[in-house]
Amino acid sequence: MNEHDVYAKLIGLLDERGAVYRVIEHEPQGATEAVSKLRGNTLAQAAKCIVLMVKTGKKTRRYVLAVVPGDRRVDLNAVKELVGGTYAGFATPEVAERLAGSVSGTILPFSFDPELEPVVDPGLLVHEEIFFNAARLDRSLALRTADYTAIAEPRTAAIAQE
């Protein structure tokens, strides 16, 4: 699945579920700070999405889609403890892009792969809407937070640090 397929799948899902969202077209940009300026949202409203690999045994691992506010960093220890792992780190770019279906900088706060568990920090959910690149560097969405949680059904846990 390429990024245009992932984008189409996301829009189809949001439309099917009656989500309230806006499409924002902008210059190609994947860095959270820079794209937030282009979109006109605060960093705290930006959904920063990072694919993590957590070792849960000698030969077993789980993948977590960590979704944190754009003005914070993901707390690897919190994610490790949350899933009962012995180690947590960033997934390789190849693994992250395969699981997410899009390139780094455009990873959605939604998972369409059963291997990738979405976990969102509650600090992001305090806003009426969240902003994220929509599997494309040149297109973002502003999505009503209540619709995000109802449709994505992420696990909620404190996984962000200042």
C-alpha atoms as a PDB file:
ATOM      1  CA  MET A   1       0.000   0.000   0.000  1.00  0.00           C
ATOM      2  CA  ASN A   2       1.470   3.390  -0.950  1.00  0.00           C
ATOM      3  CA  GLU A   3       0.822   6.733   0.750  1.00  0.00           C
ATOM      4  CA  HIS A   4      -1.967   7.672  -1.675  1.00  0.00           C
ATOM      5  CA  ASP A   5      -3.752   4.393  -0.865  1.00  0.00           C
ATOM      6  CA  VAL A   6      -3.331   5.034   2.874  1.00  0.00           C
ATOM      7  CA  TYR A   7      -4.631   8.591   2.451  1.00  0.00           C
ATOM      8  CA  ALA A   8      -7.660   7.344   0.489  1.00  0.00           C
ATOM      9  CA  LYS A   9      -8.301   4.620   3.089  1.00  0.00           C
ATOM     10  CA  LEU A  10      -8.183   7.182   5.907  1.00  0.00           C
ATOM     11  CA  ILE A  11     -10.532   9.629   4.169  1.00  0.00           C
ATOM     12  CA  GLY A  12     -12.909   6.784   3.331  1.00  0.00           C
ATOM     13  CA  LEU A  13     -12.932   5.642   6.968  1.00  0.00           C
ATOM     14  CA  LEU A  14     -13.499   9.168   8.308  1.00  0.00           C
ATOM     15  CA  ASP A  15     -16.316   9.803   5.817  1.00  0.00           C
ATOM     16  CA  GLU A  16     -17.943   6.445   6.548  1.00  0.00           C
ATOM     17  CA  ARG A  17     -17.902   7.190  10.285  1.00  0.00           C
ATOM     18  CA  GLY A  18     -19.156  10.778   9.870  1.00  0.00           C
ATOM     19  CA  ALA A  19     -16.032  12.399  11.297  1.00  0.00           C
ATOM     20  CA  VAL A  20     -15.650  16.168  11.374  1.00  0.00           C
ATOM     21  CA  TYR A  21     -12.358  17.106   9.699  1.00  0.00           C
ATOM     22  CA  ARG A  22     -10.702  19.611   7.390  1.00  0.00           C
ATOM     23  CA  VAL A  23      -8.095  18.902   4.722  1.00  0.00           C
ATOM     24  CA  ILE A  24      -5.209  21.385   4.747  1.00  0.00           C
ATOM     25  CA  GLU A  25      -2.969  21.503   1.686  1.00  0.00           C
ATOM     26  CA  HIS A  26       0.516  22.972   2.203  1.00  0.00           C
ATOM     27  CA  GLU A  27       4.109  22.900   1.009  1.00  0.00           C
ATOM     28  CA  PRO A  28       5.657  19.428   1.444  1.00  0.00           C
ATOM     29  CA  GLN A  29       6.887  19.212   5.037  1.00  0.00           C
ATOM     30  CA  GLY A  30       7.239  16.402   7.564  1.00  0.00           C
ATOM     31  CA  ALA A  31       8.866  18.116  10.556  1.00  0.00           C
ATOM     32  CA  THR A  32       6.282  18.764  13.292  1.00  0.00           C
ATOM     33  CA  GLU A  33       7.378  22.334  14.106  1.00  0.00           C
ATOM     34  CA  ALA A  34       7.619  23.464  10.491  1.00  0.00           C
ATOM     35  CA  VAL A  35       4.357  21.862   9.340  1.00  0.00           C
ATOM     36  CA  SER A  36       2.499  23.226  12.371  1.00  0.00           C
ATOM     37  CA  LYS A  37       3.497  26.744  11.280  1.00  0.00           C
ATOM     38  CA  LEU A  38       2.235  26.036   7.751  1.00  0.00           C
ATOM     39  CA  ARG A  39      -1.078  24.707   9.110  1.00  0.00           C
ATOM     40  CA  GLY A  40      -1.490  27.421  11.742  1.00  0.00           C
ATOM     41  CA  ASN A  41      -1.895  25.100  14.742  1.00  0.00           C
ATOM     42  CA  THR A  42      -0.044  25.071  18.044  1.00  0.00           C
ATOM     43  CA  LEU A  43       2.598  22.404  18.583  1.00  0.00           C
ATOM     44  CA  ALA A  44       0.522  21.010  21.466  1.00  0.00           C
ATOM     45  CA  GLN A  45      -2.310  20.233  18.973  1.00  0.00           C
ATOM     46  CA  ALA A  46      -0.010  18.388  16.553  1.00  0.00           C
ATOM     47  CA  ALA A  47      -0.113  14.596  16.738  1.00  0.00           C
ATOM     48  CA  LYS A  48       3.513  13.467  16.585  1.00  0.00           C
ATOM     49  CA  CYS A  49       3.431   9.800  15.539  1.00  0.00           C
ATOM     50  CA  ILE A  50       6.389   7.505  16.169  1.00  0.00           C
ATOM     51  CA  VAL A  51       6.656   3.758  15.580  1.00  0.00           C
ATOM     52  CA  LEU A  52       8.431   2.008  18.440  1.00  0.00           C
ATOM     53  CA  MET A  53       9.725  -1.529  18.820  1.00  0.00           C
ATOM     54  CA  VAL A  54       9.391  -3.067  22.280  1.00  0.00           C
ATOM     55  CA  LYS A  55      11.176  -6.313  23.140  1.00  0.00           C
ATOM     56  CA  THR A  56       8.868  -8.448  25.251  1.00  0.00           C
ATOM     57  CA  GLY A  57      11.011 -11.581  25.372  1.00  0.00           C
ATOM     58  CA  LYS A  58      14.207 -13.075  23.970  1.00  0.00           C
ATOM     59  CA  LYS A  59      12.738 -13.455  20.508  1.00  0.00           C
ATOM     60  CA  THR A  60       9.451 -11.578  20.770  1.00  0.00           C
ATOM     61  CA  ARG A  61       8.663  -7.953  20.107  1.00  0.00           C
ATOM     62  CA  ARG A  62       5.671  -5.681  19.768  1.00  0.00           C
ATOM     63  CA  TYR A  63       5.253  -2.512  17.768  1.00  0.00           C
ATOM     64  CA  VAL A  64       3.610   0.552  19.248  1.00  0.00           C
ATOM     65  CA  LEU A  65       2.393   3.623  17.400  1.00  0.00           C
ATOM     66  CA  ALA A  66       3.159   6.300  19.991  1.00  0.00           C
ATOM     67  CA  VAL A  67       1.054   9.442  19.480  1.00  0.00           C
ATOM     68  CA  VAL A  68       2.214  12.406  21.560  1.00  0.00           C
ATOM     69  CA  PRO A  69       1.678  16.184  21.470  1.00  0.00           C
ATOM     70  CA  GLY A  70       4.074  17.919  19.086  1.00  0.00           C
ATOM     71  CA  ASP A  71       5.685  19.924  21.873  1.00  0.00           C
ATOM     72  CA  ARG A  72       6.683  16.791  23.797  1.00  0.00           C
ATOM     73  CA  ARG A  73       8.871  13.735  23.328  1.00  0.00           C
ATOM     74  CA  VAL A  74       7.882  10.118  23.638  1.00  0.00           C
ATOM     75  CA  ASP A  75       8.925   8.527  26.941  1.00  0.00           C
ATOM     76  CA  LEU A  76      10.473   5.204  25.896  1.00  0.00           C
ATOM     77  CA  ASN A  77      10.521   3.871  29.459  1.00  0.00           C
ATOM     78  CA  ALA A  78       6.815   4.579  29.891  1.00  0.00           C
ATOM     79  CA  VAL A  79       6.025   2.681  26.673  1.00  0.00           C
ATOM     80  CA  LYS A  80       8.304  -0.200  27.703  1.00  0.00           C
ATOM     81  CA  GLU A  81       6.542  -0.486  31.065  1.00  0.00           C
ATOM     82  CA  LEU A  82       3.092  -0.101  29.514  1.00  0.00           C
ATOM     83  CA  VAL A  83       3.504  -3.181  27.310  1.00  0.00           C
ATOM     84  CA  GLY A  84       5.607  -5.192  29.753  1.00  0.00           C
ATOM     85  CA  GLY A  85       8.786  -5.014  27.727  1.00  0.00           C
ATOM     86  CA  THR A  86      12.462  -5.261  28.553  1.00  0.00           C
ATOM     87  CA  TYR A  87      13.592  -2.680  25.982  1.00  0.00           C
ATOM     88  CA  ALA A  88      11.930   0.039  23.891  1.00  0.00           C
ATOM     89  CA  GLY A  89      13.434   1.932  20.991  1.00  0.00           C
ATOM     90  CA  PHE A  90      12.577   3.480  17.665  1.00  0.00           C
ATOM     91  CA  ALA A  91      11.641   1.009  14.949  1.00  0.00           C
ATOM     92  CA  THR A  92      13.899   1.073  11.908  1.00  0.00           C
ATOM     93  CA  PRO A  93      12.629   3.421   9.186  1.00  0.00           C
ATOM     94  CA  GLU A  94      11.888   0.418   6.952  1.00  0.00           C
ATOM     95  CA  VAL A  95       9.782  -1.329   9.606  1.00  0.00           C
ATOM     96  CA  ALA A  96       8.029   1.908  10.633  1.00  0.00           C
ATOM     97  CA  GLU A  97       7.114   2.775   7.045  1.00  0.00           C
ATOM     98  CA  ARG A  98       5.948  -0.785   6.298  1.00  0.00           C
ATOM     99  CA  LEU A  99       3.685  -0.919   9.373  1.00  0.00           C
ATOM    100  CA  ALA A 100       2.393   2.643   8.945  1.00  0.00           C
ATOM    101  CA  GLY A 101       2.014   2.449   5.173  1.00  0.00           C
ATOM    102  CA  SER A 102       3.622   5.854   4.686  1.00  0.00           C
ATOM    103  CA  VAL A 103       6.992   7.573   4.952  1.00  0.00           C
ATOM    104  CA  SER A 104       8.445   9.086   8.096  1.00  0.00           C
ATOM    105  CA  GLY A 105       6.966  12.529   8.724  1.00  0.00           C
ATOM    106  CA  THR A 106       3.568  11.439   7.387  1.00  0.00           C
ATOM    107  CA  ILE A 107       2.711   8.601   9.781  1.00  0.00           C
ATOM    108  CA  LEU A 108      -0.931   8.715  10.813  1.00  0.00           C
ATOM    109  CA  PRO A 109      -2.227   8.486  14.399  1.00  0.00           C
ATOM    110  CA  PHE A 110      -4.288   5.533  13.079  1.00  0.00           C
ATOM    111  CA  SER A 111      -3.111   1.960  12.561  1.00  0.00           C
ATOM    112  CA  PHE A 112      -4.281  -0.142   9.633  1.00  0.00           C
ATOM    113  CA  ASP A 113      -1.886  -2.970  10.557  1.00  0.00           C
ATOM    114  CA  PRO A 114      -2.791  -5.419  13.359  1.00  0.00           C
ATOM    115  CA  GLU A 115       0.912  -5.569  14.360  1.00  0.00           C
ATOM    116  CA  LEU A 116       0.899  -1.855  15.239  1.00  0.00           C
ATOM    117  CA  GLU A 117      -0.885  -0.846  18.449  1.00  0.00           C
ATOM    118  CA  PRO A 118      -1.818   2.848  18.701  1.00  0.00           C
ATOM    119  CA  VAL A 119      -1.190   4.462  22.096  1.00  0.00           C
ATOM    120  CA  VAL A 120      -1.994   8.139  22.595  1.00  0.00           C
ATOM    121  CA  ASP A 121      -0.841  10.420  25.382  1.00  0.00           C
ATOM    122  CA  PRO A 122      -3.811  12.092  27.148  1.00  0.00           C
ATOM    123  CA  GLY A 123      -2.074  15.470  26.780  1.00  0.00           C
ATOM    124  CA  LEU A 124      -3.005  15.482  23.100  1.00  0.00           C
ATOM    125  CA  LEU A 125      -6.653  14.712  23.789  1.00  0.00           C
ATOM    126  CA  VAL A 126      -7.363  17.914  25.731  1.00  0.00           C
ATOM    127  CA  HIS A 127      -7.729  19.867  22.484  1.00  0.00           C
ATOM    128  CA  GLU A 128     -10.971  20.133  20.499  1.00  0.00           C
ATOM    129  CA  GLU A 129      -9.136  19.063  17.349  1.00  0.00           C
ATOM    130  CA  ILE A 130      -5.794  17.527  16.495  1.00  0.00           C
ATOM    131  CA  PHE A 131      -3.606  18.080  13.445  1.00  0.00           C
ATOM    132  CA  PHE A 132      -1.436  15.590  11.552  1.00  0.00           C
ATOM    133  CA  ASN A 133       0.080  14.919   8.147  1.00  0.00           C
ATOM    134  CA  ALA A 134      -2.305  12.618   6.324  1.00  0.00           C
ATOM    135  CA  ALA A 135       0.109   9.988   4.933  1.00  0.00           C
ATOM    136  CA  ARG A 136       1.404  12.737   2.610  1.00  0.00           C
ATOM    137  CA  LEU A 137       3.958  15.493   3.062  1.00  0.00           C
ATOM    138  CA  ASP A 138       1.721  18.014   1.256  1.00  0.00           C
ATOM    139  CA  ARG A 139      -1.576  17.357   2.993  1.00  0.00           C
ATOM    140  CA  SER A 140      -2.707  17.452   6.615  1.00  0.00           C
ATOM    141  CA  LEU A 141      -5.941  16.950   8.481  1.00  0.00           C
ATOM    142  CA  ALA A 142      -7.509  18.852  11.326  1.00  0.00           C
ATOM    143  CA  LEU A 143      -9.697  16.211  12.983  1.00  0.00           C
ATOM    144  CA  ARG A 144     -12.134  16.595  15.858  1.00  0.00           C
ATOM    145  CA  THR A 145     -10.487  14.845  18.810  1.00  0.00           C
ATOM    146  CA  ALA A 146     -13.669  13.036  19.841  1.00  0.00           C
ATOM    147  CA  ASP A 147     -13.887  11.549  16.333  1.00  0.00           C
ATOM    148  CA  TYR A 148     -10.230  10.514  16.465  1.00  0.00           C
ATOM    149  CA  THR A 149     -10.650   8.564  19.700  1.00  0.00           C
ATOM    150  CA  ALA A 150     -13.951   6.999  18.592  1.00  0.00           C
ATOM    151  CA  ILE A 151     -12.588   5.836  15.229  1.00  0.00           C
ATOM    152  CA  ALA A 152      -8.925   5.028  15.961  1.00  0.00           C
ATOM    153  CA  GLU A 153      -9.735   3.506  19.375  1.00  0.00           C
ATOM    154  CA  PRO A 154      -6.194   4.061  20.681  1.00  0.00           C
ATOM    155  CA  ARG A 155      -5.043   2.925  24.076  1.00  0.00           C
ATOM    156  CA  THR A 156      -4.589   6.039  26.264  1.00  0.00           C
ATOM    157  CA  ALA A 157      -1.573   6.259  28.549  1.00  0.00           C
ATOM    158  CA  ALA A 158       0.919   8.843  29.796  1.00  0.00           C
ATOM    159  CA  ILE A 159       3.747   8.244  27.297  1.00  0.00           C
ATOM    160  CA  ALA A 160       5.020  11.808  26.736  1.00  0.00           C
ATOM    161  CA  GLN A 161       7.644  13.839  28.530  1.00  0.00           C
ATOM    162  CA  GLU A 162       8.522  17.534  28.369  1.00  0.00           C
END
